[in-house]
PDB file of N, CA and C in Angstrom:
ATOM      1  N   MET A   1     -16.318  -4.018 -10.578  1.00  0.00           N
ATOM      2  CA  MET A   1     -15.758  -2.958  -9.468  1.00  0.00           C
ATOM      3  C   MET A   1     -16.693  -3.204  -8.308  1.00  0.00           C
ATOM      4  N   ILE A   2     -16.055  -3.186  -7.191  1.00  0.00           N
ATOM      5  CA  ILE A   2     -16.843  -3.248  -5.883  1.00  0.00           C
ATOM      6  C   ILE A   2     -17.508  -1.730  -5.471  1.00  0.00           C
ATOM      7  N   ASP A   3     -18.707  -1.728  -5.137  1.00  0.00           N
ATOM      8  CA  ASP A   3     -19.264  -0.745  -4.614  1.00  0.00           C
ATOM      9  C   ASP A   3     -18.889  -0.459  -3.048  1.00  0.00           C
ATOM     10  N   ILE A   4     -18.105   0.569  -2.709  1.00  0.00           N
ATOM     11  CA  ILE A   4     -17.813   0.605  -1.477  1.00  0.00           C
ATOM     12  C   ILE A   4     -18.894   1.008  -0.349  1.00  0.00           C
ATOM     13  N   ARG A   5     -20.030   1.271  -1.058  1.00  0.00           N
ATOM     14  CA  ARG A   5     -21.102   1.798  -0.041  1.00  0.00           C
ATOM     15  C   ARG A   5     -21.726   0.590   0.488  1.00  0.00           C
ATOM     16  N   GLU A   6     -21.450  -0.481  -0.193  1.00  0.00           N
ATOM     17  CA  GLU A   6     -22.005  -1.987   0.269  1.00  0.00           C
ATOM     18  C   GLU A   6     -21.253  -2.678   1.223  1.00  0.00           C
ATOM     19  N   LEU A   7     -19.940  -2.332   1.279  1.00  0.00           N
ATOM     20  CA  LEU A   7     -19.135  -2.989   2.441  1.00  0.00           C
ATOM     21  C   LEU A   7     -19.389  -3.003   3.851  1.00  0.00           C
ATOM     22  N   ASP A   8     -19.280  -3.906   4.559  1.00  0.00           N
ATOM     23  CA  ASP A   8     -19.411  -3.778   5.905  1.00  0.00           C
ATOM     24  C   ASP A   8     -18.158  -3.234   6.437  1.00  0.00           C
ATOM     25  N   ARG A   9     -18.129  -2.907   7.791  1.00  0.00           N
ATOM     26  CA  ARG A   9     -17.010  -2.166   8.565  1.00  0.00           C
ATOM     27  C   ARG A   9     -15.590  -2.900   8.228  1.00  0.00           C
ATOM     28  N   SER A  10     -15.576  -4.225   8.386  1.00  0.00           N
ATOM     29  CA  SER A  10     -14.336  -5.137   8.394  1.00  0.00           C
ATOM     30  C   SER A  10     -13.940  -5.035   6.891  1.00  0.00           C
ATOM     31  N   ASP A  11     -14.829  -5.315   5.922  1.00  0.00           N
ATOM     32  CA  ASP A  11     -14.255  -5.361   4.541  1.00  0.00           C
ATOM     33  C   ASP A  11     -13.790  -3.925   4.032  1.00  0.00           C
ATOM     34  N   LEU A  12     -14.421  -2.831   4.482  1.00  0.00           N
ATOM     35  CA  LEU A  12     -14.015  -1.476   4.203  1.00  0.00           C
ATOM     36  C   LEU A  12     -12.510  -1.271   4.951  1.00  0.00           C
ATOM     37  N   MET A  13     -12.396  -1.727   6.056  1.00  0.00           N
ATOM     38  CA  MET A  13     -11.049  -1.608   6.685  1.00  0.00           C
ATOM     39  C   MET A  13      -9.917  -2.446   5.851  1.00  0.00           C
ATOM     40  N   LYS A  14     -10.370  -3.466   5.426  1.00  0.00           N
ATOM     41  CA  LYS A  14      -9.441  -4.372   4.467  1.00  0.00           C
ATOM     42  C   LYS A  14      -9.147  -3.731   3.291  1.00  0.00           C
ATOM     43  N   SER A  15     -10.159  -2.847   2.695  1.00  0.00           N
ATOM     44  CA  SER A  15      -9.835  -2.269   1.491  1.00  0.00           C
ATOM     45  C   SER A  15      -8.941  -1.045   1.893  1.00  0.00           C
ATOM     46  N   ILE A  16      -9.056  -0.354   2.951  1.00  0.00           N
ATOM     47  CA  ILE A  16      -8.221   0.718   3.278  1.00  0.00           C
ATOM     48  C   ILE A  16      -6.773   0.360   3.437  1.00  0.00           C
ATOM     49  N   THR A  17      -6.637  -0.849   4.125  1.00  0.00           N
ATOM     50  CA  THR A  17      -5.425  -1.475   4.507  1.00  0.00           C
ATOM     51  C   THR A  17      -4.559  -1.659   3.031  1.00  0.00           C
ATOM     52  N   GLU A  18      -5.265  -2.487   2.094  1.00  0.00           N
ATOM     53  CA  GLU A  18      -4.759  -2.813   0.923  1.00  0.00           C
ATOM     54  C   GLU A  18      -4.507  -1.427   0.062  1.00  0.00           C
ATOM     55  N   LYS A  19      -5.196  -0.660   0.132  1.00  0.00           N
ATOM     56  CA  LYS A  19      -5.029   0.564  -0.777  1.00  0.00           C
ATOM     57  C   LYS A  19      -3.610   1.253  -0.232  1.00  0.00           C
ATOM     58  N   ARG A  20      -3.708   1.232   1.098  1.00  0.00           N
ATOM     59  CA  ARG A  20      -2.288   1.906   1.901  1.00  0.00           C
ATOM     60  C   ARG A  20      -1.216   1.046   1.341  1.00  0.00           C
ATOM     61  N   ARG A  21      -1.242  -0.059   1.371  1.00  0.00           N
ATOM     62  CA  ARG A  21      -0.216  -0.984   0.970  1.00  0.00           C
ATOM     63  C   ARG A  21       0.333  -0.697  -0.439  1.00  0.00           C
ATOM     64  N   GLU A  22      -0.677  -0.734  -1.425  1.00  0.00           N
ATOM     65  CA  GLU A  22      -0.656  -0.412  -2.692  1.00  0.00           C
ATOM     66  C   GLU A  22      -0.052   0.824  -3.054  1.00  0.00           C
ATOM     67  N   MET A  23      -0.191   1.966  -2.092  1.00  0.00           N
ATOM     68  CA  MET A  23       0.035   3.314  -2.273  1.00  0.00           C
ATOM     69  C   MET A  23       1.562   3.467  -2.061  1.00  0.00           C
ATOM     70  N   LEU A  24       2.110   2.743  -0.818  1.00  0.00           N
ATOM     71  CA  LEU A  24       3.280   2.791  -0.213  1.00  0.00           C
ATOM     72  C   LEU A  24       4.288   2.031  -1.059  1.00  0.00           C
ATOM     73  N   GLU A  25       3.849   0.945  -1.856  1.00  0.00           N
ATOM     74  CA  GLU A  25       4.704   0.294  -2.865  1.00  0.00           C
ATOM     75  C   GLU A  25       4.904   1.121  -3.922  1.00  0.00           C
ATOM     76  N   VAL A  26       4.025   1.826  -4.508  1.00  0.00           N
ATOM     77  CA  VAL A  26       4.038   2.687  -5.566  1.00  0.00           C
ATOM     78  C   VAL A  26       5.080   3.715  -5.284  1.00  0.00           C
ATOM     79  N   ALA A  27       4.924   4.274  -3.963  1.00  0.00           N
ATOM     80  CA  ALA A  27       5.692   5.464  -3.584  1.00  0.00           C
ATOM     81  C   ALA A  27       7.150   5.215  -3.471  1.00  0.00           C
ATOM     82  N   LYS A  28       7.414   3.751  -3.059  1.00  0.00           N
ATOM     83  CA  LYS A  28       8.983   3.359  -2.990  1.00  0.00           C
ATOM     84  C   LYS A  28       9.459   3.258  -4.345  1.00  0.00           C
ATOM     85  N   LEU A  29       8.680   2.661  -5.291  1.00  0.00           N
ATOM     86  CA  LEU A  29       9.252   2.473  -6.665  1.00  0.00           C
ATOM     87  C   LEU A  29       9.383   3.701  -7.379  1.00  0.00           C
ATOM     88  N   ARG A  30       8.339   4.625  -7.312  1.00  0.00           N
ATOM     89  CA  ARG A  30       8.312   5.794  -8.135  1.00  0.00           C
ATOM     90  C   ARG A  30       8.209   7.337  -7.612  1.00  0.00           C
ATOM     91  N   GLY A  31       8.383   7.270  -6.208  1.00  0.00           N
ATOM     92  CA  GLY A  31       8.433   8.555  -5.552  1.00  0.00           C
ATOM     93  C   GLY A  31       7.137   9.187  -5.146  1.00  0.00           C
ATOM     94  N   LEU A  32       7.117   9.952  -4.066  1.00  0.00           N
ATOM     95  CA  LEU A  32       6.196  10.679  -3.508  1.00  0.00           C
ATOM     96  C   LEU A  32       5.375  11.424  -4.390  1.00  0.00           C
ATOM     97  N   LYS A  33       5.936  12.149  -5.142  1.00  0.00           N
ATOM     98  CA  LYS A  33       5.281  13.150  -6.263  1.00  0.00           C
ATOM     99  C   LYS A  33       4.955  12.595  -7.510  1.00  0.00           C
ATOM    100  N   ASN A  34       5.031  11.139  -7.844  1.00  0.00           N
ATOM    101  CA  ASN A  34       4.714  10.599  -9.087  1.00  0.00           C
ATOM    102  C   ASN A  34       3.079  10.576  -9.123  1.00  0.00           C
ATOM    103  N   ASN A  35       2.663  10.678 -10.241  1.00  0.00           N
ATOM    104  CA  ASN A  35       1.147  10.884 -10.583  1.00  0.00           C
ATOM    105  C   ASN A  35       0.297   9.524 -10.111  1.00  0.00           C
ATOM    106  N   GLU A  36       1.003   8.390 -10.209  1.00  0.00           N
ATOM    107  CA  GLU A  36       0.224   7.272  -9.776  1.00  0.00           C
ATOM    108  C   GLU A  36       0.415   7.233  -8.362  1.00  0.00           C
ATOM    109  N   THR A  37       1.381   7.483  -7.403  1.00  0.00           N
ATOM    110  CA  THR A  37       1.531   7.731  -6.103  1.00  0.00           C
ATOM    111  C   THR A  37       0.352   8.751  -5.659  1.00  0.00           C
ATOM    112  N   VAL A  38       0.200   9.881  -6.237  1.00  0.00           N
ATOM    113  CA  VAL A  38      -0.863  10.786  -5.797  1.00  0.00           C
ATOM    114  C   VAL A  38      -2.083  10.201  -5.996  1.00  0.00           C
ATOM    115  N   GLN A  39      -2.509   9.514  -7.254  1.00  0.00           N
ATOM    116  CA  GLN A  39      -3.786   8.975  -7.436  1.00  0.00           C
ATOM    117  C   GLN A  39      -4.195   7.749  -6.495  1.00  0.00           C
ATOM    118  N   GLN A  40      -3.139   7.009  -6.145  1.00  0.00           N
ATOM    119  CA  GLN A  40      -3.456   6.026  -5.043  1.00  0.00           C
ATOM    120  C   GLN A  40      -3.574   6.780  -3.644  1.00  0.00           C
ATOM    121  N   SER A  41      -3.124   7.789  -3.308  1.00  0.00           N
ATOM    122  CA  SER A  41      -3.289   8.617  -2.153  1.00  0.00           C
ATOM    123  C   SER A  41      -4.754   9.176  -1.978  1.00  0.00           C
ATOM    124  N   ARG A  42      -5.254   9.563  -3.219  1.00  0.00           N
ATOM    125  CA  ARG A  42      -6.421  10.054  -3.436  1.00  0.00           C
ATOM    126  C   ARG A  42      -7.553   9.062  -3.174  1.00  0.00           C
ATOM    127  N   GLU A  43      -7.150   7.944  -3.703  1.00  0.00           N
ATOM    128  CA  GLU A  43      -8.198   6.837  -3.599  1.00  0.00           C
ATOM    129  C   GLU A  43      -8.420   6.383  -2.061  1.00  0.00           C
ATOM    130  N   LEU A  44      -7.066   6.213  -1.387  1.00  0.00           N
ATOM    131  CA  LEU A  44      -7.064   5.893  -0.014  1.00  0.00           C
ATOM    132  C   LEU A  44      -7.689   6.963   0.833  1.00  0.00           C
ATOM    133  N   ASP A  45      -7.721   8.279   0.556  1.00  0.00           N
ATOM    134  CA  ASP A  45      -8.516   9.398   1.094  1.00  0.00           C
ATOM    135  C   ASP A  45      -9.864   8.944   1.196  1.00  0.00           C
ATOM    136  N   SER A  46     -10.341   8.847  -0.230  1.00  0.00           N
ATOM    137  CA  SER A  46     -11.796   8.486  -0.307  1.00  0.00           C
ATOM    138  C   SER A  46     -12.303   7.413   0.347  1.00  0.00           C
ATOM    139  N   LEU A  47     -11.585   6.250   0.478  1.00  0.00           N
ATOM    140  CA  LEU A  47     -12.069   5.200   1.277  1.00  0.00           C
ATOM    141  C   LEU A  47     -12.107   5.565   2.898  1.00  0.00           C
ATOM    142  N   ILE A  48     -10.966   6.283   3.176  1.00  0.00           N
ATOM    143  CA  ILE A  48     -10.948   6.679   4.609  1.00  0.00           C
ATOM    144  C   ILE A  48     -12.348   7.668   4.865  1.00  0.00           C
ATOM    145  N   ILE A  49     -12.474   8.578   4.143  1.00  0.00           N
ATOM    146  CA  ILE A  49     -13.645   9.468   4.329  1.00  0.00           C
ATOM    147  C   ILE A  49     -14.838   8.679   4.349  1.00  0.00           C
ATOM    148  N   VAL A  50     -15.046   7.778   3.497  1.00  0.00           N
ATOM    149  CA  VAL A  50     -16.276   6.802   3.450  1.00  0.00           C
ATOM    150  C   VAL A  50     -16.360   6.005   4.887  1.00  0.00           C
ATOM    151  N   TYR A  51     -15.216   5.644   5.327  1.00  0.00           N
ATOM    152  CA  TYR A  51     -15.289   4.820   6.606  1.00  0.00           C
ATOM    153  C   TYR A  51     -15.663   5.907   7.773  1.00  0.00           C
ATOM    154  N   GLN A  52     -15.012   7.098   7.771  1.00  0.00           N
ATOM    155  CA  GLN A  52     -15.335   7.940   8.953  1.00  0.00           C
ATOM    156  C   GLN A  52     -16.966   8.517   8.866  1.00  0.00           C
ATOM    157  N   LYS A  53     -17.481   8.723   7.572  1.00  0.00           N
ATOM    158  CA  LYS A  53     -18.932   9.025   7.524  1.00  0.00           C
ATOM    159  C   LYS A  53     -19.872   7.836   7.912  1.00  0.00           C
ATOM    160  N   ARG A  54     -19.509   6.886   7.646  1.00  0.00           N
ATOM    161  CA  ARG A  54     -20.303   5.818   8.055  1.00  0.00           C
ATOM    162  C   ARG A  54     -20.308   5.199   9.527  1.00  0.00           C
ATOM    163  N   PHE A  55     -19.111   5.342  10.001  1.00  0.00           N
ATOM    164  CA  PHE A  55     -18.939   4.705  11.294  1.00  0.00           C
ATOM    165  C   PHE A  55     -18.572   5.649  12.348  1.00  0.00           C
ATOM    166  N   PHE A  56     -18.375   6.818  12.154  1.00  0.00           N
ATOM    167  CA  PHE A  56     -18.131   7.885  13.223  1.00  0.00           C
ATOM    168  C   PHE A  56     -19.180   8.997  12.990  1.00  0.00           C
ATOM    169  N   HIS A  57     -19.977   9.333  13.873  1.00  0.00           N
ATOM    170  CA  HIS A  57     -20.961  10.331  14.011  1.00  0.00           C
ATOM    171  C   HIS A  57     -20.649  11.216  15.095  1.00  0.00           C
ATOM    172  N   HIS A  58     -20.082  12.466  14.757  1.00  0.00           N
ATOM    173  CA  HIS A  58     -19.643  13.464  15.744  1.00  0.00           C
ATOM    174  C   HIS A  58     -20.630  14.549  15.928  1.00  0.00           C
ATOM    175  N   TYR A  59     -21.868  14.205  15.930  1.00  0.00           N
ATOM    176  CA  TYR A  59     -23.105  15.241  16.011  1.00  0.00           C
ATOM    177  C   TYR A  59     -23.644  15.353  17.662  1.00  0.00           C
TER     178      TYR A  59
END
């Protein structure tokens, strides 16, 4: 398993894009309220939060 803390900006964006694609595929097949779709969404949220914390400093 990849440690997302070690990814550079480009690789993290690729991970976010791929997770978004996976989530949309699951949602198309199983629906928005399906547990797997919700799990994919949570994982996407986590990736986005890591990206924001690492590359956007609003202080």
